Amino acid sequence: MTGTELDTSVRSELATLHPAVAKEVAQRLVLVGRLLDEDPETAYLHAAAARERAARAPGVREAVGLAAYRTGRYAEALAELRTVRRLTGSNDHLPVMADCERGLGRPERALEMLRSPEARGLDVAGRAELLIVAAGARADMGELEAAVITLQVPELTSTLREPWIARLRSAYADALFGAGRDEEARLWLERAAEADEDGETSAAERLAELDGVIFLDDDELDEGEQGHGEQGHGEPDGATVVEMARDAAAGEAAAGETVTGEDRGGATAGTGEDGGETGADE
């Protein structure tokens, strides 16, 4: 990894830095992109380190804001994304900023963003994301039916094969579940799964769970395999227990017959010896 993997527009923001510093910052930003989904905390640390070296670069501040958001640092994320908006004039992160307001316990501010002039300038994907946040804000305020109504937009039935379609339908299903409209919710969860080619919303897995299917992650599978191995050497499974019980019963029966025979023999011998002794006494 050299840092050249970084988007050209972001690399151009680092052109005024010393080459060694620019390379380090670029490498850290590449790592942020790679780690954000799997290890957001480490991604945040790389972003924060990049900010120390290049605080005036919008791409760096954006990386910090998104990583802070993913790690639940909502106040910091909101501040960073506001800085990005000031530096670039872009409102692309308005949905994330609105969700930060939710995370800070201010759902009413998230709803204000939905009605703001900046929201009208978003593209269709951005507007869908902002609607999803607004519906969540309604649910936060206990307005469950209002959350459903918020998402009743024409885009729900769009034939486009875009990721935001799946997220919109999944959010609508969640709102319906929250309002107790389970049959409708399942229908929209199915439609979300149909549109979710990359499995981003986990709609298919959620449907399977509703049908009673249980998914195990890799760790659980490893534990299960280890458990089966332990059963072979330690605690037996049900079939083995039955077989052991039968063997034990047979063994006890055989042992009982042997012990009975020995007891009889011993008693006879004792009687004889005792009889001899009695005879001698006599």
Protein backbone atom coordinates (compact mmCIF):
# COMPACT_ATOMS: atom_id res chain seq x y z
CA MET A 1 0.00 0.00 0.00
CA THR A 2 1.57 3.25 -1.18
CA GLY A 3 -1.26 5.76 -0.81
CA THR A 4 -1.69 6.05 -4.56
CA GLU A 5 -4.85 3.94 -4.14
CA LEU A 6 -6.52 7.08 -2.78
CA ASP A 7 -8.95 8.98 -4.98
CA THR A 8 -7.20 11.56 -7.16
CA SER A 9 -9.29 14.45 -5.87
CA VAL A 10 -8.31 13.70 -2.26
CA ARG A 11 -4.67 13.24 -3.18
CA SER A 12 -4.70 16.66 -4.79
CA GLU A 13 -5.77 18.14 -1.44
CA LEU A 14 -2.51 16.83 0.04
CA ALA A 15 -0.29 18.36 -2.64
CA THR A 16 0.79 21.27 -0.44
CA LEU A 17 2.13 18.96 2.26
CA HIS A 18 5.69 17.67 2.49
CA PRO A 19 5.87 14.55 0.29
CA ALA A 20 6.59 12.25 3.23
CA VAL A 21 3.70 13.68 5.21
CA ALA A 22 1.39 13.52 2.20
CA LYS A 23 2.29 9.86 1.70
CA GLU A 24 1.63 9.01 5.34
CA VAL A 25 -1.73 10.81 5.33
CA ALA A 26 -2.73 9.14 2.07
CA GLN A 27 -1.84 5.70 3.43
CA ARG A 28 -3.88 6.32 6.56
CA LEU A 29 -6.88 7.43 4.51
CA VAL A 30 -6.65 4.28 2.42
CA LEU A 31 -6.70 2.25 5.64
CA VAL A 32 -9.74 4.19 6.84
CA GLY A 33 -11.61 3.16 3.71
CA ARG A 34 -10.57 -0.46 4.08
CA LEU A 35 -11.30 -0.78 7.80
CA LEU A 36 -14.42 1.34 8.20
CA ASP A 37 -16.84 -1.59 7.91
CA GLU A 38 -14.86 -4.32 9.64
CA ASP A 39 -12.95 -2.37 12.30
CA PRO A 40 -14.37 1.16 12.62
CA GLU A 41 -12.45 1.92 15.82
CA THR A 42 -9.09 1.34 14.16
CA ALA A 43 -10.33 3.28 11.13
CA TYR A 44 -11.16 6.18 13.43
CA LEU A 45 -7.67 6.12 14.96
CA HIS A 46 -6.07 6.31 11.51
CA ALA A 47 -8.40 9.16 10.52
CA ALA A 48 -7.63 11.09 13.69
CA ALA A 49 -3.89 10.62 13.11
CA ALA A 50 -4.31 11.93 9.55
CA ARG A 51 -6.15 14.97 10.90
CA GLU A 52 -3.16 15.83 13.08
CA ARG A 53 -1.02 16.09 9.94
CA ALA A 54 -3.52 17.57 7.47
CA ALA A 55 -6.38 19.28 9.29
CA ARG A 56 -7.17 21.61 6.39
CA ALA A 57 -7.84 18.85 3.86
CA PRO A 58 -11.60 18.31 3.38
CA GLY A 59 -11.06 14.63 2.57
CA VAL A 60 -9.30 14.11 5.87
CA ARG A 61 -12.03 15.84 7.85
CA GLU A 62 -14.62 13.79 5.98
CA ALA A 63 -12.81 10.58 6.91
CA VAL A 64 -12.72 11.61 10.57
CA GLY A 65 -16.41 12.52 10.51
CA LEU A 66 -17.54 9.24 8.98
CA ALA A 67 -15.30 7.15 11.23
CA ALA A 68 -16.49 9.07 14.29
CA TYR A 69 -20.09 8.44 13.21
CA ARG A 70 -19.47 4.71 12.79
CA THR A 71 -17.97 4.51 16.29
CA GLY A 72 -20.79 6.43 17.99
CA ARG A 73 -18.85 9.66 18.48
CA TYR A 74 -21.83 11.65 17.25
CA ALA A 75 -20.87 15.10 18.52
CA GLU A 76 -17.43 14.85 16.93
CA ALA A 77 -18.87 13.44 13.71
CA LEU A 78 -21.37 16.29 13.49
CA ALA A 79 -18.66 18.90 14.02
CA GLU A 80 -16.37 17.33 11.42
CA LEU A 81 -19.08 17.00 8.77
CA ARG A 82 -20.13 20.60 9.35
CA THR A 83 -16.52 21.55 8.70
CA VAL A 84 -16.57 19.54 5.47
CA ARG A 85 -19.72 21.36 4.37
CA ARG A 86 -18.10 24.70 5.12
CA LEU A 87 -14.93 23.77 3.20
CA THR A 88 -16.64 22.24 0.18
CA GLY A 89 -20.15 23.67 0.07
CA SER A 90 -21.51 20.13 -0.31
CA ASN A 91 -24.55 18.83 1.57
CA ASP A 92 -23.94 15.20 0.63
CA HIS A 93 -23.53 14.18 4.27
CA LEU A 94 -26.75 15.80 5.46
CA PRO A 95 -28.39 12.39 6.16
CA VAL A 96 -25.44 11.34 8.34
CA MET A 97 -25.53 14.67 10.16
CA ALA A 98 -29.25 14.21 10.80
CA ASP A 99 -28.60 10.74 12.18
CA CYS A 100 -25.94 12.20 14.46
CA GLU A 101 -28.64 14.47 15.87
CA ARG A 102 -30.68 11.35 16.58
CA GLY A 103 -27.69 9.75 18.24
CA LEU A 104 -27.36 12.81 20.47
CA GLY A 105 -30.99 12.45 21.54
CA ARG A 106 -32.27 15.32 19.38
CA PRO A 107 -34.68 13.73 16.89
CA GLU A 108 -36.52 17.00 16.37
CA ARG A 109 -33.36 18.52 14.87
CA ALA A 110 -33.12 15.60 12.47
CA LEU A 111 -36.64 16.39 11.30
CA GLU A 112 -35.68 20.03 10.83
CA MET A 113 -32.95 18.92 8.45
CA LEU A 114 -35.52 17.05 6.38
CA ARG A 115 -37.41 20.31 5.87
CA SER A 116 -34.29 22.42 5.28
CA PRO A 117 -33.44 24.09 1.94
CA GLU A 118 -30.25 21.99 1.84
CA ALA A 119 -32.34 18.79 1.75
CA ARG A 120 -34.00 19.88 -1.47
CA GLY A 121 -30.61 19.95 -3.17
CA LEU A 122 -29.84 16.29 -2.47
CA ASP A 123 -29.97 13.69 -5.22
CA VAL A 124 -32.58 10.94 -5.08
CA ALA A 125 -30.32 8.60 -3.09
CA GLY A 126 -29.54 11.32 -0.56
CA ARG A 127 -33.22 12.21 -0.16
CA ALA A 128 -34.05 8.55 0.43
CA GLU A 129 -31.36 8.29 3.10
CA LEU A 130 -32.66 11.44 4.78
CA LEU A 131 -36.20 10.05 4.76
CA ILE A 132 -34.93 6.89 6.47
CA VAL A 133 -33.34 9.00 9.20
CA ALA A 134 -36.50 11.10 9.54
CA ALA A 135 -38.61 7.97 9.97
CA GLY A 136 -36.23 6.81 12.68
CA ALA A 137 -36.56 10.19 14.37
CA ARG A 138 -40.35 9.83 14.34
CA ALA A 139 -40.01 6.40 15.93
CA ASP A 140 -37.64 7.83 18.54
CA MET A 141 -40.41 10.27 19.49
CA GLY A 142 -42.97 7.46 19.74
CA GLU A 143 -44.76 8.54 16.56
CA LEU A 144 -44.86 5.08 15.00
CA GLU A 145 -47.59 5.67 12.43
CA ALA A 146 -45.92 8.93 11.42
CA ALA A 147 -42.73 6.96 10.81
CA VAL A 148 -44.65 4.75 8.39
CA ILE A 149 -46.19 7.72 6.60
CA THR A 150 -42.79 9.42 6.27
CA LEU A 151 -41.57 6.55 4.09
CA GLN A 152 -44.66 6.22 1.92
CA VAL A 153 -43.03 7.76 -1.14
CA PRO A 154 -43.13 6.78 -4.84
CA GLU A 155 -39.50 5.62 -4.69
CA LEU A 156 -40.61 2.56 -2.70
CA THR A 157 -41.89 0.98 -5.91
CA SER A 158 -39.01 2.11 -8.09
CA THR A 159 -37.69 -0.47 -10.55
CA LEU A 160 -34.14 0.84 -10.23
CA ARG A 161 -31.51 -1.62 -9.01
CA GLU A 162 -29.82 0.74 -6.59
CA PRO A 163 -28.63 0.03 -3.01
CA TRP A 164 -30.75 2.83 -1.56
CA ILE A 165 -33.91 1.13 -2.85
CA ALA A 166 -33.22 -1.89 -0.64
CA ARG A 167 -32.45 0.34 2.35
CA LEU A 168 -35.62 2.36 1.84
CA ARG A 169 -37.78 -0.75 1.65
CA SER A 170 -36.04 -2.31 4.66
CA ALA A 171 -36.61 0.87 6.68
CA TYR A 172 -40.26 0.88 5.63
CA ALA A 173 -40.57 -2.72 6.80
CA ASP A 174 -39.03 -1.74 10.14
CA ALA A 175 -41.51 1.11 10.50
CA LEU A 176 -44.40 -1.24 9.76
CA PHE A 177 -43.12 -3.77 12.30
CA GLY A 178 -42.88 -0.96 14.84
CA ALA A 179 -46.47 -0.01 14.18
CA GLY A 180 -47.62 -3.61 14.64
CA ARG A 181 -48.43 -4.15 10.97
CA ASP A 182 -46.48 -7.38 10.70
CA GLU A 183 -48.03 -8.84 7.53
CA GLU A 184 -47.33 -5.69 5.52
CA ALA A 185 -43.88 -5.50 7.08
CA ARG A 186 -43.01 -8.99 5.91
CA LEU A 187 -44.14 -8.15 2.39
CA TRP A 188 -41.84 -5.13 2.24
CA LEU A 189 -39.00 -7.09 3.79
CA GLU A 190 -39.36 -9.55 0.93
CA ARG A 191 -39.24 -6.67 -1.55
CA ALA A 192 -36.17 -5.32 0.18
CA ALA A 193 -34.47 -8.70 -0.14
CA GLU A 194 -35.30 -8.77 -3.85
CA ALA A 195 -33.59 -5.42 -4.36
CA ASP A 196 -30.65 -6.13 -2.04
CA GLU A 197 -28.15 -7.76 -4.37
CA ASP A 198 -25.21 -7.30 -1.99
CA GLY A 199 -27.00 -8.32 1.21
CA GLU A 200 -26.39 -4.90 2.74
CA THR A 201 -29.70 -4.78 4.63
CA SER A 202 -29.67 -8.45 5.75
CA ALA A 203 -33.32 -8.57 4.65
CA ALA A 204 -33.02 -12.17 3.43
CA GLU A 205 -31.52 -13.30 6.73
CA ARG A 206 -34.25 -11.52 8.67
CA LEU A 207 -36.91 -13.26 6.61
CA ALA A 208 -35.28 -16.61 7.29
CA GLU A 209 -35.19 -15.85 11.01
CA LEU A 210 -38.91 -15.07 10.91
CA ASP A 211 -39.34 -18.56 9.45
CA GLY A 212 -37.34 -20.07 12.31
CA VAL A 213 -34.01 -20.50 10.53
CA ILE A 214 -31.00 -19.80 12.78
CA PHE A 215 -27.76 -18.49 11.27
CA LEU A 216 -24.43 -19.15 12.97
CA ASP A 217 -21.35 -17.03 12.45
CA ASP A 218 -17.88 -18.53 12.04
CA ASP A 219 -17.09 -18.38 15.76
CA GLU A 220 -20.30 -20.17 16.66
CA LEU A 221 -19.62 -22.83 14.04
CA ASP A 222 -16.12 -23.37 15.45
CA GLU A 223 -17.56 -23.67 18.96
CA GLY A 224 -20.11 -26.16 17.69
CA GLU A 225 -17.45 -28.30 16.04
CA GLN A 226 -15.35 -28.15 19.20
CA GLY A 227 -18.40 -29.12 21.22
CA HIS A 228 -18.97 -32.19 19.04
CA GLY A 229 -15.33 -33.15 19.53
CA GLU A 230 -15.68 -32.78 23.28
CA GLN A 231 -18.75 -34.99 23.22
CA GLY A 232 -16.73 -37.73 21.57
CA HIS A 233 -14.18 -37.68 24.39
CA GLY A 234 -16.14 -36.30 27.31
CA GLU A 235 -19.86 -35.82 27.53
CA PRO A 236 -21.58 -38.27 25.15
CA ASP A 237 -24.52 -37.36 22.94
CA GLY A 238 -28.01 -38.84 23.37
CA ALA A 239 -27.47 -41.96 21.23
CA THR A 240 -24.23 -42.76 23.02
CA VAL A 241 -25.91 -42.39 26.40
CA VAL A 242 -28.54 -44.97 25.45
CA GLU A 243 -25.89 -47.42 24.28
CA MET A 244 -23.87 -46.89 27.45
CA ALA A 245 -26.95 -47.44 29.58
CA ARG A 246 -27.67 -50.72 27.81
CA ASP A 247 -24.06 -51.87 28.19
CA ALA A 248 -24.08 -50.89 31.84
CA ALA A 249 -27.30 -52.79 32.46
CA ALA A 250 -25.94 -55.89 30.76
CA GLY A 251 -22.72 -55.60 32.71
CA GLU A 252 -24.56 -55.28 35.99
CA ALA A 253 -26.68 -58.33 35.21
CA ALA A 254 -23.62 -60.39 34.39
CA ALA A 255 -21.82 -59.15 37.46
CA GLY A 256 -24.87 -59.99 39.59
CA GLU A 257 -24.87 -63.57 38.39
CA THR A 258 -21.17 -63.96 39.14
CA VAL A 259 -21.45 -62.40 42.56
CA THR A 260 -24.41 -64.64 43.39
CA GLY A 261 -22.46 -67.72 42.43
CA GLU A 262 -19.47 -66.67 44.48
CA ASP A 263 -21.66 -65.89 47.44
CA ARG A 264 -23.26 -69.25 47.24
CA GLY A 265 -19.93 -70.98 47.06
CA GLY A 266 -18.53 -69.00 49.94
CA ALA A 267 -21.56 -69.70 52.09
CA THR A 268 -21.31 -73.38 51.40
CA ALA A 269 -17.66 -73.46 52.26
CA GLY A 270 -18.29 -71.48 55.40
CA THR A 271 -21.01 -73.86 56.41
CA GLY A 272 -18.73 -76.78 55.84
CA GLU A 273 -15.95 -75.28 57.84
CA ASP A 274 -18.31 -74.24 60.53
CA GLY A 275 -19.79 -77.71 60.54
CA GLY A 276 -16.35 -79.18 60.86
CA GLU A 277 -15.58 -76.95 63.73
CA THR A 278 -18.88 -77.87 65.34
CA GLY A 279 -18.13 -81.49 64.90
CA ALA A 280 -14.75 -81.02 66.50
CA ASP A 281 -16.30 -79.27 69.41
CA GLU A 282 -18.66 -82.06 69.79
